[in-house]
Amino acid sequence: MVQILKYVLLVALVFMIYIVVSTSLESNLFQEWDYLASIPWMRATLWDFYANILLIYLWVIYKEKNIFLIFLWAVLFFCLGSIGTIAYVLIQLFRAKPTDGIKDILVQTKREV
């Protein structure tokens, strides 16, 4: 199951990078912001997104011991969105032992190297 998740998330990461880069080349978010912010569903989508990011970030606070990494992941999550969160989960999956299950990955704290 962990191997399948790795492949699925790698595809999702590449796809999200492609979407963000291609959209950024096509449209400047800062020039479009006034229009986008006027759309109620856009505001709802942003609130929904950041609520999900907050939930995932609370998991990071639970798992990580290093305060620098906790801060770094906050910046990456809140600035990069799905790209940052997928990267974090992929790192957790690649750190896992071959015998680890999903529960082990979710609840165990960061291993010391």
PDB file of N, CA and C in Angstrom:
ATOM      1  N   MET A   1       0.816  -1.191   0.000  1.00  0.00           N
ATOM      2  CA  MET A   1       0.000   0.000   0.000  1.00  0.00           C
ATOM      3  C   MET A   1       0.866   1.264   0.000  1.00  0.00           C
ATOM      4  N   VAL A   2       1.957   1.248   0.761  1.00  0.00           N
ATOM      5  CA  VAL A   2       2.841   2.414   0.822  1.00  0.00           C
ATOM      6  C   VAL A   2       3.443   2.692  -0.554  1.00  0.00           C
ATOM      7  N   GLN A   3       3.828   1.641  -1.270  1.00  0.00           N
ATOM      8  CA  GLN A   3       4.397   1.821  -2.614  1.00  0.00           C
ATOM      9  C   GLN A   3       3.380   2.452  -3.562  1.00  0.00           C
ATOM     10  N   ILE A   4       2.149   2.007  -3.486  1.00  0.00           N
ATOM     11  CA  ILE A   4       1.097   2.572  -4.337  1.00  0.00           C
ATOM     12  C   ILE A   4       0.905   4.052  -4.017  1.00  0.00           C
ATOM     13  N   LEU A   5       0.876   4.379  -2.726  1.00  0.00           N
ATOM     14  CA  LEU A   5       0.732   5.786  -2.332  1.00  0.00           C
ATOM     15  C   LEU A   5       1.881   6.634  -2.861  1.00  0.00           C
ATOM     16  N   LYS A   6       3.086   6.093  -2.829  1.00  0.00           N
ATOM     17  CA  LYS A   6       4.244   6.831  -3.350  1.00  0.00           C
ATOM     18  C   LYS A   6       4.038   7.182  -4.815  1.00  0.00           C
ATOM     19  N   TYR A   7       3.637   6.210  -5.605  1.00  0.00           N
ATOM     20  CA  TYR A   7       3.442   6.445  -7.042  1.00  0.00           C
ATOM     21  C   TYR A   7       2.299   7.423  -7.309  1.00  0.00           C
ATOM     22  N   VAL A   8       1.193   7.242  -6.605  1.00  0.00           N
ATOM     23  CA  VAL A   8       0.043   8.129  -6.798  1.00  0.00           C
ATOM     24  C   VAL A   8       0.425   9.561  -6.430  1.00  0.00           C
ATOM     25  N   LEU A   9       1.126   9.742  -5.308  1.00  0.00           N
ATOM     26  CA  LEU A   9       1.498  11.083  -4.877  1.00  0.00           C
ATOM     27  C   LEU A   9       2.583  11.701  -5.762  1.00  0.00           C
ATOM     28  N   LEU A  10       3.483  10.886  -6.294  1.00  0.00           N
ATOM     29  CA  LEU A  10       4.469  11.422  -7.237  1.00  0.00           C
ATOM     30  C   LEU A  10       3.782  11.960  -8.488  1.00  0.00           C
ATOM     31  N   VAL A  11       2.802  11.234  -8.991  1.00  0.00           N
ATOM     32  CA  VAL A  11       2.042  11.696 -10.155  1.00  0.00           C
ATOM     33  C   VAL A  11       1.288  12.979  -9.790  1.00  0.00           C
ATOM     34  N   ALA A  12       0.658  13.001  -8.615  1.00  0.00           N
ATOM     35  CA  ALA A  12      -0.076  14.195  -8.181  1.00  0.00           C
ATOM     36  C   ALA A  12       0.859  15.388  -8.033  1.00  0.00           C
ATOM     37  N   LEU A  13       2.067  15.171  -7.508  1.00  0.00           N
ATOM     38  CA  LEU A  13       3.037  16.258  -7.340  1.00  0.00           C
ATOM     39  C   LEU A  13       3.450  16.840  -8.685  1.00  0.00           C
ATOM     40  N   VAL A  14       3.787  15.971  -9.621  1.00  0.00           N
ATOM     41  CA  VAL A  14       4.178  16.438 -10.958  1.00  0.00           C
ATOM     42  C   VAL A  14       3.019  17.188 -11.610  1.00  0.00           C
ATOM     43  N   PHE A  15       1.816  16.649 -11.488  1.00  0.00           N
ATOM     44  CA  PHE A  15       0.641  17.295 -12.067  1.00  0.00           C
ATOM     45  C   PHE A  15       0.412  18.676 -11.455  1.00  0.00           C
ATOM     46  N   MET A  16       0.500  18.783 -10.126  1.00  0.00           N
ATOM     47  CA  MET A  16       0.270  20.068  -9.464  1.00  0.00           C
ATOM     48  C   MET A  16       1.347  21.086  -9.844  1.00  0.00           C
ATOM     49  N   ILE A  17       2.575  20.655  -9.958  1.00  0.00           N
ATOM     50  CA  ILE A  17       3.637  21.569 -10.390  1.00  0.00           C
ATOM     51  C   ILE A  17       3.347  22.063 -11.801  1.00  0.00           C
ATOM     52  N   TYR A  18       2.943  21.152 -12.675  1.00  0.00           N
ATOM     53  CA  TYR A  18       2.590  21.526 -14.048  1.00  0.00           C
ATOM     54  C   TYR A  18       1.441  22.545 -14.056  1.00  0.00           C
ATOM     55  N   ILE A  19       0.375  22.266 -13.292  1.00  0.00           N
ATOM     56  CA  ILE A  19      -0.788  23.150 -13.262  1.00  0.00           C
ATOM     57  C   ILE A  19      -0.406  24.533 -12.752  1.00  0.00           C
ATOM     58  N   VAL A  20       0.361  24.593 -11.673  1.00  0.00           N
ATOM     59  CA  VAL A  20       0.734  25.884 -11.090  1.00  0.00           C
ATOM     60  C   VAL A  20       1.629  26.675 -12.037  1.00  0.00           C
ATOM     61  N   VAL A  21       2.623  26.009 -12.624  1.00  0.00           N
ATOM     62  CA  VAL A  21       3.538  26.706 -13.539  1.00  0.00           C
ATOM     63  C   VAL A  21       2.796  27.174 -14.788  1.00  0.00           C
ATOM     64  N   SER A  22       2.011  26.295 -15.398  1.00  0.00           N
ATOM     65  CA  SER A  22       1.317  26.688 -16.632  1.00  0.00           C
ATOM     66  C   SER A  22       0.292  27.792 -16.364  1.00  0.00           C
ATOM     67  N   THR A  23      -0.402  27.718 -15.249  1.00  0.00           N
ATOM     68  CA  THR A  23      -1.364  28.773 -14.906  1.00  0.00           C
ATOM     69  C   THR A  23      -0.648  30.087 -14.624  1.00  0.00           C
ATOM     70  N   SER A  24       0.485  30.017 -13.939  1.00  0.00           N
ATOM     71  CA  SER A  24       1.254  31.232 -13.639  1.00  0.00           C
ATOM     72  C   SER A  24       1.767  31.900 -14.908  1.00  0.00           C
ATOM     73  N   LEU A  25       2.120  31.111 -15.897  1.00  0.00           N
ATOM     74  CA  LEU A  25       2.586  31.674 -17.165  1.00  0.00           C
ATOM     75  C   LEU A  25       1.434  32.306 -17.955  1.00  0.00           C
ATOM     76  N   GLU A  26       0.241  31.792 -17.739  1.00  0.00           N
ATOM     77  CA  GLU A  26      -0.935  32.270 -18.473  1.00  0.00           C
ATOM     78  C   GLU A  26      -1.612  33.459 -17.792  1.00  0.00           C
ATOM     79  N   SER A  27      -1.559  33.499 -16.457  1.00  0.00           N
ATOM     80  CA  SER A  27      -2.327  34.500 -15.717  1.00  0.00           C
ATOM     81  C   SER A  27      -1.572  34.907 -14.459  1.00  0.00           C
ATOM     82  N   ASN A  28      -1.520  36.207 -14.194  1.00  0.00           N
ATOM     83  CA  ASN A  28      -0.856  36.726 -13.008  1.00  0.00           C
ATOM     84  C   ASN A  28      -1.873  36.826 -11.874  1.00  0.00           C
ATOM     85  N   LEU A  29      -1.671  36.034 -10.827  1.00  0.00           N
ATOM     86  CA  LEU A  29      -2.597  36.007  -9.706  1.00  0.00           C
ATOM     87  C   LEU A  29      -2.762  37.383  -9.072  1.00  0.00           C
ATOM     88  N   PHE A  30      -1.688  38.140  -8.960  1.00  0.00           N
ATOM     89  CA  PHE A  30      -1.758  39.441  -8.303  1.00  0.00           C
ATOM     90  C   PHE A  30      -2.552  40.452  -9.126  1.00  0.00           C
ATOM     91  N   GLN A  31      -2.525  40.310 -10.441  1.00  0.00           N
ATOM     92  CA  GLN A  31      -3.338  41.189 -11.285  1.00  0.00           C
ATOM     93  C   GLN A  31      -4.804  40.768 -11.267  1.00  0.00           C
ATOM     94  N   GLU A  32      -5.064  39.506 -11.076  1.00  0.00           N
ATOM     95  CA  GLU A  32      -6.429  38.961 -11.092  1.00  0.00           C
ATOM     96  C   GLU A  32      -7.082  38.979  -9.714  1.00  0.00           C
ATOM     97  N   TRP A  33      -6.321  39.303  -8.659  1.00  0.00           N
ATOM     98  CA  TRP A  33      -6.811  39.100  -7.298  1.00  0.00           C
ATOM     99  C   TRP A  33      -8.118  39.827  -6.992  1.00  0.00           C
ATOM    100  N   ASP A  34      -8.240  41.089  -7.394  1.00  0.00           N
ATOM    101  CA  ASP A  34      -9.475  41.832  -7.089  1.00  0.00           C
ATOM    102  C   ASP A  34     -10.697  41.148  -7.682  1.00  0.00           C
ATOM    103  N   TYR A  35     -10.565  40.690  -8.908  1.00  0.00           N
ATOM    104  CA  TYR A  35     -11.681  39.986  -9.550  1.00  0.00           C
ATOM    105  C   TYR A  35     -11.964  38.664  -8.837  1.00  0.00           C
ATOM    106  N   LEU A  36     -10.917  37.880  -8.596  1.00  0.00           N
ATOM    107  CA  LEU A  36     -11.107  36.568  -7.968  1.00  0.00           C
ATOM    108  C   LEU A  36     -11.694  36.693  -6.567  1.00  0.00           C
ATOM    109  N   ALA A  37     -11.222  37.674  -5.811  1.00  0.00           N
ATOM    110  CA  ALA A  37     -11.712  37.862  -4.442  1.00  0.00           C
ATOM    111  C   ALA A  37     -13.176  38.291  -4.412  1.00  0.00           C
ATOM    112  N   SER A  38     -13.686  38.795  -5.513  1.00  0.00           N
ATOM    113  CA  SER A  38     -15.092  39.211  -5.561  1.00  0.00           C
ATOM    114  C   SER A  38     -16.046  38.037  -5.808  1.00  0.00           C
ATOM    115  N   ILE A  39     -15.507  36.879  -6.150  1.00  0.00           N
ATOM    116  CA  ILE A  39     -16.334  35.702  -6.431  1.00  0.00           C
ATOM    117  C   ILE A  39     -16.551  34.932  -5.120  1.00  0.00           C
ATOM    118  N   PRO A  40     -17.802  34.820  -4.655  1.00  0.00           N
ATOM    119  CA  PRO A  40     -18.058  34.137  -3.381  1.00  0.00           C
ATOM    120  C   PRO A  40     -17.485  32.719  -3.314  1.00  0.00           C
ATOM    121  N   TRP A  41     -17.602  31.958  -4.395  1.00  0.00           N
ATOM    122  CA  TRP A  41     -17.083  30.589  -4.366  1.00  0.00           C
ATOM    123  C   TRP A  41     -15.556  30.560  -4.293  1.00  0.00           C
ATOM    124  N   MET A  42     -14.903  31.564  -4.820  1.00  0.00           N
ATOM    125  CA  MET A  42     -13.452  31.634  -4.705  1.00  0.00           C
ATOM    126  C   MET A  42     -13.052  31.854  -3.245  1.00  0.00           C
ATOM    127  N   ARG A  43     -13.763  32.757  -2.576  1.00  0.00           N
ATOM    128  CA  ARG A  43     -13.484  32.996  -1.153  1.00  0.00           C
ATOM    129  C   ARG A  43     -13.757  31.731  -0.337  1.00  0.00           C
ATOM    130  N   ALA A  44     -14.857  31.050  -0.619  1.00  0.00           N
ATOM    131  CA  ALA A  44     -15.184  29.814   0.097  1.00  0.00           C
ATOM    132  C   ALA A  44     -14.127  28.742  -0.157  1.00  0.00           C
ATOM    133  N   THR A  45     -13.665  28.664  -1.390  1.00  0.00           N
ATOM    134  CA  THR A  45     -12.634  27.682  -1.737  1.00  0.00           C
ATOM    135  C   THR A  45     -11.329  27.963  -0.998  1.00  0.00           C
ATOM    136  N   LEU A  46     -10.964  29.230  -0.897  1.00  0.00           N
ATOM    137  CA  LEU A  46      -9.744  29.585  -0.162  1.00  0.00           C
ATOM    138  C   LEU A  46      -9.864  29.258   1.323  1.00  0.00           C
ATOM    139  N   TRP A  47     -11.009  29.579   1.931  1.00  0.00           N
ATOM    140  CA  TRP A  47     -11.204  29.239   3.336  1.00  0.00           C
ATOM    141  C   TRP A  47     -11.157  27.722   3.529  1.00  0.00           C
ATOM    142  N   ASP A  48     -11.764  26.985   2.630  1.00  0.00           N
ATOM    143  CA  ASP A  48     -11.740  25.523   2.692  1.00  0.00           C
ATOM    144  C   ASP A  48     -10.315  25.002   2.573  1.00  0.00           C
ATOM    145  N   PHE A  49      -9.578  25.542   1.616  1.00  0.00           N
ATOM    146  CA  PHE A  49      -8.189  25.129   1.394  1.00  0.00           C
ATOM    147  C   PHE A  49      -7.345  25.356   2.642  1.00  0.00           C
ATOM    148  N   TYR A  50      -7.422  26.560   3.211  1.00  0.00           N
ATOM    149  CA  TYR A  50      -6.585  26.866   4.363  1.00  0.00           C
ATOM    150  C   TYR A  50      -7.018  26.106   5.611  1.00  0.00           C
ATOM    151  N   ALA A  51      -8.284  25.753   5.734  1.00  0.00           N
ATOM    152  CA  ALA A  51      -8.719  24.894   6.842  1.00  0.00           C
ATOM    153  C   ALA A  51      -8.082  23.512   6.714  1.00  0.00           C
ATOM    154  N   ASN A  52      -8.037  22.990   5.488  1.00  0.00           N
ATOM    155  CA  ASN A  52      -7.380  21.697   5.265  1.00  0.00           C
ATOM    156  C   ASN A  52      -5.884  21.781   5.520  1.00  0.00           C
ATOM    157  N   ILE A  53      -5.261  22.850   5.076  1.00  0.00           N
ATOM    158  CA  ILE A  53      -3.822  23.025   5.306  1.00  0.00           C
ATOM    159  C   ILE A  53      -3.544  23.089   6.807  1.00  0.00           C
ATOM    160  N   LEU A  54      -4.397  23.796   7.540  1.00  0.00           N
ATOM    161  CA  LEU A  54      -4.222  23.889   8.994  1.00  0.00           C
ATOM    162  C   LEU A  54      -4.289  22.506   9.634  1.00  0.00           C
ATOM    163  N   LEU A  55      -5.226  21.686   9.211  1.00  0.00           N
ATOM    164  CA  LEU A  55      -5.349  20.330   9.749  1.00  0.00           C
ATOM    165  C   LEU A  55      -4.074  19.523   9.487  1.00  0.00           C
ATOM    166  N   ILE A  56      -3.592  19.579   8.271  1.00  0.00           N
ATOM    167  CA  ILE A  56      -2.373  18.839   7.931  1.00  0.00           C
ATOM    168  C   ILE A  56      -1.179  19.408   8.701  1.00  0.00           C
ATOM    169  N   TYR A  57      -1.139  20.718   8.866  1.00  0.00           N
ATOM    170  CA  TYR A  57      -0.048  21.344   9.604  1.00  0.00           C
ATOM    171  C   TYR A  57      -0.057  20.937  11.079  1.00  0.00           C
ATOM    172  N   LEU A  58      -1.229  20.769  11.663  1.00  0.00           N
ATOM    173  CA  LEU A  58      -1.306  20.290  13.044  1.00  0.00           C
ATOM    174  C   LEU A  58      -0.714  18.887  13.157  1.00  0.00           C
ATOM    175  N   TRP A  59      -0.885  18.076  12.128  1.00  0.00           N
ATOM    176  CA  TRP A  59      -0.263  16.753  12.088  1.00  0.00           C
ATOM    177  C   TRP A  59       1.263  16.896  12.067  1.00  0.00           C
ATOM    178  N   VAL A  60       1.769  17.854  11.308  1.00  0.00           N
ATOM    179  CA  VAL A  60       3.214  18.093  11.246  1.00  0.00           C
ATOM    180  C   VAL A  60       3.737  18.506  12.625  1.00  0.00           C
ATOM    181  N   ILE A  61       3.020  19.380  13.296  1.00  0.00           N
ATOM    182  CA  ILE A  61       3.445  19.799  14.642  1.00  0.00           C
ATOM    183  C   ILE A  61       3.511  18.586  15.566  1.00  0.00           C
ATOM    184  N   TYR A  62       2.538  17.697  15.437  1.00  0.00           N
ATOM    185  CA  TYR A  62       2.505  16.466  16.232  1.00  0.00           C
ATOM    186  C   TYR A  62       3.695  15.569  15.922  1.00  0.00           C
ATOM    187  N   LYS A  63       4.045  15.435  14.649  1.00  0.00           N
ATOM    188  CA  LYS A  63       5.092  14.496  14.240  1.00  0.00           C
ATOM    189  C   LYS A  63       6.515  15.021  14.388  1.00  0.00           C
ATOM    190  N   GLU A  64       6.733  16.273  14.072  1.00  0.00           N
ATOM    191  CA  GLU A  64       8.097  16.808  14.014  1.00  0.00           C
ATOM    192  C   GLU A  64       8.579  17.277  15.383  1.00  0.00           C
ATOM    193  N   LYS A  65       9.870  17.107  15.600  1.00  0.00           N
ATOM    194  CA  LYS A  65      10.485  17.546  16.852  1.00  0.00           C
ATOM    195  C   LYS A  65      11.282  18.833  16.652  1.00  0.00           C
ATOM    196  N   ASN A  66      11.745  19.071  15.458  1.00  0.00           N
ATOM    197  CA  ASN A  66      12.614  20.204  15.164  1.00  0.00           C
ATOM    198  C   ASN A  66      11.765  21.452  14.882  1.00  0.00           C
ATOM    199  N   ILE A  67      11.948  22.498  15.686  1.00  0.00           N
ATOM    200  CA  ILE A  67      11.145  23.722  15.548  1.00  0.00           C
ATOM    201  C   ILE A  67      11.383  24.398  14.202  1.00  0.00           C
ATOM    202  N   PHE A  68      12.611  24.326  13.679  1.00  0.00           N
ATOM    203  CA  PHE A  68      12.905  24.899  12.365  1.00  0.00           C
ATOM    204  C   PHE A  68      12.079  24.207  11.286  1.00  0.00           C
ATOM    205  N   LEU A  69      12.015  22.873  11.335  1.00  0.00           N
ATOM    206  CA  LEU A  69      11.227  22.133  10.340  1.00  0.00           C
ATOM    207  C   LEU A  69       9.736  22.439  10.479  1.00  0.00           C
ATOM    208  N   ILE A  70       9.276  22.589  11.704  1.00  0.00           N
ATOM    209  CA  ILE A  70       7.870  22.931  11.923  1.00  0.00           C
ATOM    210  C   ILE A  70       7.553  24.275  11.258  1.00  0.00           C
ATOM    211  N   PHE A  71       8.428  25.248  11.440  1.00  0.00           N
ATOM    212  CA  PHE A  71       8.237  26.561  10.828  1.00  0.00           C
ATOM    213  C   PHE A  71       8.366  26.478   9.302  1.00  0.00           C
ATOM    214  N   LEU A  72       9.385  25.762   8.813  1.00  0.00           N
ATOM    215  CA  LEU A  72       9.605  25.628   7.368  1.00  0.00           C
ATOM    216  C   LEU A  72       8.399  25.003   6.683  1.00  0.00           C
ATOM    217  N   TRP A  73       7.853  23.944   7.269  1.00  0.00           N
ATOM    218  CA  TRP A  73       6.696  23.302   6.654  1.00  0.00           C
ATOM    219  C   TRP A  73       5.473  24.218   6.667  1.00  0.00           C
ATOM    220  N   ALA A  74       5.344  25.061   7.679  1.00  0.00           N
ATOM    221  CA  ALA A  74       4.231  26.026   7.691  1.00  0.00           C
ATOM    222  C   ALA A  74       4.339  26.942   6.481  1.00  0.00           C
ATOM    223  N   VAL A  75       5.526  27.473   6.241  1.00  0.00           N
ATOM    224  CA  VAL A  75       5.733  28.373   5.102  1.00  0.00           C
ATOM    225  C   VAL A  75       5.447  27.631   3.798  1.00  0.00           C
ATOM    226  N   LEU A  76       5.978  26.423   3.667  1.00  0.00           N
ATOM    227  CA  LEU A  76       5.781  25.657   2.432  1.00  0.00           C
ATOM    228  C   LEU A  76       4.312  25.293   2.215  1.00  0.00           C
ATOM    229  N   PHE A  77       3.631  24.869   3.268  1.00  0.00           N
ATOM    230  CA  PHE A  77       2.219  24.506   3.132  1.00  0.00           C
ATOM    231  C   PHE A  77       1.372  25.706   2.745  1.00  0.00           C
ATOM    232  N   PHE A  78       1.531  26.799   3.484  1.00  0.00           N
ATOM    233  CA  PHE A  78       0.651  27.950   3.276  1.00  0.00           C
ATOM    234  C   PHE A  78       0.994  28.731   2.008  1.00  0.00           C
ATOM    235  N   CYS A  79       2.229  28.590   1.519  1.00  0.00           N
ATOM    236  CA  CYS A  79       2.610  29.297   0.285  1.00  0.00           C
ATOM    237  C   CYS A  79       2.492  28.410  -0.961  1.00  0.00           C
ATOM    238  N   LEU A  80       2.788  27.136  -0.833  1.00  0.00           N
ATOM    239  CA  LEU A  80       2.776  26.244  -1.993  1.00  0.00           C
ATOM    240  C   LEU A  80       1.552  25.342  -2.057  1.00  0.00           C
ATOM    241  N   GLY A  81       0.783  25.282  -0.999  1.00  0.00           N
ATOM    242  CA  GLY A  81      -0.427  24.472  -1.010  1.00  0.00           C
ATOM    243  C   GLY A  81      -0.172  22.998  -1.213  1.00  0.00           C
ATOM    244  N   SER A  82      -0.847  22.421  -2.183  1.00  0.00           N
ATOM    245  CA  SER A  82      -0.761  20.985  -2.435  1.00  0.00           C
ATOM    246  C   SER A  82       0.659  20.527  -2.742  1.00  0.00           C
ATOM    247  N   ILE A  83       1.425  21.356  -3.383  1.00  0.00           N
ATOM    248  CA  ILE A  83       2.814  20.976  -3.691  1.00  0.00           C
ATOM    249  C   ILE A  83       3.575  20.730  -2.393  1.00  0.00           C
ATOM    250  N   GLY A  84       3.432  21.616  -1.427  1.00  0.00           N
ATOM    251  CA  GLY A  84       4.106  21.446  -0.139  1.00  0.00           C
ATOM    252  C   GLY A  84       3.583  20.257   0.642  1.00  0.00           C
ATOM    253  N   THR A  85       2.261  20.090   0.675  1.00  0.00           N
ATOM    254  CA  THR A  85       1.707  18.990   1.459  1.00  0.00           C
ATOM    255  C   THR A  85       2.029  17.635   0.845  1.00  0.00           C
ATOM    256  N   ILE A  86       1.973  17.542  -0.467  1.00  0.00           N
ATOM    257  CA  ILE A  86       2.327  16.284  -1.122  1.00  0.00           C
ATOM    258  C   ILE A  86       3.801  15.975  -0.883  1.00  0.00           C
ATOM    259  N   ALA A  87       4.652  16.977  -0.945  1.00  0.00           N
ATOM    260  CA  ALA A  87       6.083  16.760  -0.688  1.00  0.00           C
ATOM    261  C   ALA A  87       6.298  16.231   0.725  1.00  0.00           C
ATOM    262  N   TYR A  88       5.610  16.805   1.701  1.00  0.00           N
ATOM    263  CA  TYR A  88       5.764  16.342   3.088  1.00  0.00           C
ATOM    264  C   TYR A  88       5.338  14.885   3.230  1.00  0.00           C
ATOM    265  N   VAL A  89       4.178  14.549   2.688  1.00  0.00           N
ATOM    266  CA  VAL A  89       3.685  13.174   2.799  1.00  0.00           C
ATOM    267  C   VAL A  89       4.624  12.217   2.067  1.00  0.00           C
ATOM    268  N   LEU A  90       5.124  12.620   0.909  1.00  0.00           N
ATOM    269  CA  LEU A  90       6.085  11.766   0.193  1.00  0.00           C
ATOM    270  C   LEU A  90       7.343  11.527   1.020  1.00  0.00           C
ATOM    271  N   ILE A  91       7.843  12.555   1.657  1.00  0.00           N
ATOM    272  CA  ILE A  91       9.021  12.379   2.513  1.00  0.00           C
ATOM    273  C   ILE A  91       8.723  11.377   3.620  1.00  0.00           C
ATOM    274  N   GLN A  92       7.532  11.486   4.224  1.00  0.00           N
ATOM    275  CA  GLN A  92       7.155  10.531   5.268  1.00  0.00           C
ATOM    276  C   GLN A  92       7.096   9.108   4.719  1.00  0.00           C
ATOM    277  N   LEU A  93       6.565   8.957   3.517  1.00  0.00           N
ATOM    278  CA  LEU A  93       6.467   7.620   2.912  1.00  0.00           C
ATOM    279  C   LEU A  93       7.840   7.054   2.569  1.00  0.00           C
ATOM    280  N   PHE A  94       8.733   7.900   2.050  1.00  0.00           N
ATOM    281  CA  PHE A  94      10.070   7.407   1.702  1.00  0.00           C
ATOM    282  C   PHE A  94      10.918   7.127   2.936  1.00  0.00           C
ATOM    283  N   ARG A  95      10.631   7.766   4.053  1.00  0.00           N
ATOM    284  CA  ARG A  95      11.339   7.493   5.312  1.00  0.00           C
ATOM    285  C   ARG A  95      10.874   6.193   5.961  1.00  0.00           C
ATOM    286  N   ALA A  96       9.691   5.744   5.592  1.00  0.00           N
ATOM    287  CA  ALA A  96       9.104   4.575   6.240  1.00  0.00           C
ATOM    288  C   ALA A  96       9.910   3.318   5.941  1.00  0.00           C
ATOM    289  N   LYS A  97       9.913   2.418   6.908  1.00  0.00           N
ATOM    290  CA  LYS A  97      10.518   1.102   6.712  1.00  0.00           C
ATOM    291  C   LYS A  97       9.596   0.288   5.804  1.00  0.00           C
ATOM    292  N   PRO A  98      10.148  -0.664   5.087  1.00  0.00           N
ATOM    293  CA  PRO A  98       9.297  -1.491   4.217  1.00  0.00           C
ATOM    294  C   PRO A  98       8.192  -2.224   4.976  1.00  0.00           C
ATOM    295  N   THR A  99       8.394  -2.471   6.252  1.00  0.00           N
ATOM    296  CA  THR A  99       7.389  -3.195   7.033  1.00  0.00           C
ATOM    297  C   THR A  99       6.343  -2.271   7.649  1.00  0.00           C
ATOM    298  N   ASP A 100       6.542  -0.961   7.550  1.00  0.00           N
ATOM    299  CA  ASP A 100       5.595  -0.007   8.132  1.00  0.00           C
ATOM    300  C   ASP A 100       4.285   0.010   7.358  1.00  0.00           C
ATOM    301  N   GLY A 101       3.214   0.107   8.101  1.00  0.00           N
ATOM    302  CA  GLY A 101       1.899   0.308   7.507  1.00  0.00           C
ATOM    303  C   GLY A 101       1.527   1.780   7.569  1.00  0.00           C
ATOM    304  N   ILE A 102       0.365   2.104   7.071  1.00  0.00           N
ATOM    305  CA  ILE A 102      -0.099   3.485   7.068  1.00  0.00           C
ATOM    306  C   ILE A 102      -0.205   4.018   8.501  1.00  0.00           C
ATOM    307  N   LYS A 103      -0.698   3.200   9.418  1.00  0.00           N
ATOM    308  CA  LYS A 103      -0.832   3.638  10.807  1.00  0.00           C
ATOM    309  C   LYS A 103       0.530   4.031  11.374  1.00  0.00           C
ATOM    310  N   ASP A 104       1.558   3.243  11.087  1.00  0.00           N
ATOM    311  CA  ASP A 104       2.906   3.555  11.582  1.00  0.00           C
ATOM    312  C   ASP A 104       3.385   4.907  11.052  1.00  0.00           C
ATOM    313  N   ILE A 105       3.109   5.169   9.803  1.00  0.00           N
ATOM    314  CA  ILE A 105       3.547   6.424   9.177  1.00  0.00           C
ATOM    315  C   ILE A 105       2.792   7.612   9.777  1.00  0.00           C
ATOM    316  N   LEU A 106       1.514   7.426  10.051  1.00  0.00           N
ATOM    317  CA  LEU A 106       0.710   8.515  10.586  1.00  0.00           C
ATOM    318  C   LEU A 106       1.050   8.859  12.029  1.00  0.00           C
ATOM    319  N   VAL A 107       1.366   7.860  12.846  1.00  0.00           N
ATOM    320  CA  VAL A 107       1.506   8.133  14.279  1.00  0.00           C
ATOM    321  C   VAL A 107       2.943   8.169  14.781  1.00  0.00           C
ATOM    322  N   GLN A 108       3.875   7.556  14.108  1.00  0.00           N
ATOM    323  CA  GLN A 108       5.219   7.562  14.668  1.00  0.00           C
ATOM    324  C   GLN A 108       5.884   8.918  14.483  1.00  0.00           C
ATOM    325  N   THR A 109       6.702   9.261  15.438  1.00  0.00           N
ATOM    326  CA  THR A 109       7.407  10.527  15.363  1.00  0.00           C
ATOM    327  C   THR A 109       8.615  10.376  14.465  1.00  0.00           C
ATOM    328  N   LYS A 110       9.170  11.489  14.100  1.00  0.00           N
ATOM    329  CA  LYS A 110      10.329  11.526  13.208  1.00  0.00           C
ATOM    330  C   LYS A 110      11.471  10.733  13.821  1.00  0.00           C
ATOM    331  N   ARG A 111      12.049   9.885  13.007  1.00  0.00           N
ATOM    332  CA  ARG A 111      13.200   9.102  13.454  1.00  0.00           C
ATOM    333  C   ARG A 111      14.440   9.976  13.489  1.00  0.00           C
ATOM    334  N   GLU A 112      15.240   9.780  14.481  1.00  0.00           N
ATOM    335  CA  GLU A 112      16.524  10.471  14.554  1.00  0.00           C
ATOM    336  C   GLU A 112      17.511   9.750  13.651  1.00  0.00           C
ATOM    337  N   VAL A 113      18.306  10.511  12.905  1.00  0.00           N
ATOM    338  CA  VAL A 113      19.279   9.911  11.978  1.00  0.00           C
ATOM    339  C   VAL A 113      20.604   9.759  12.662  1.00  0.00           C
TER     340      VAL A 113
END
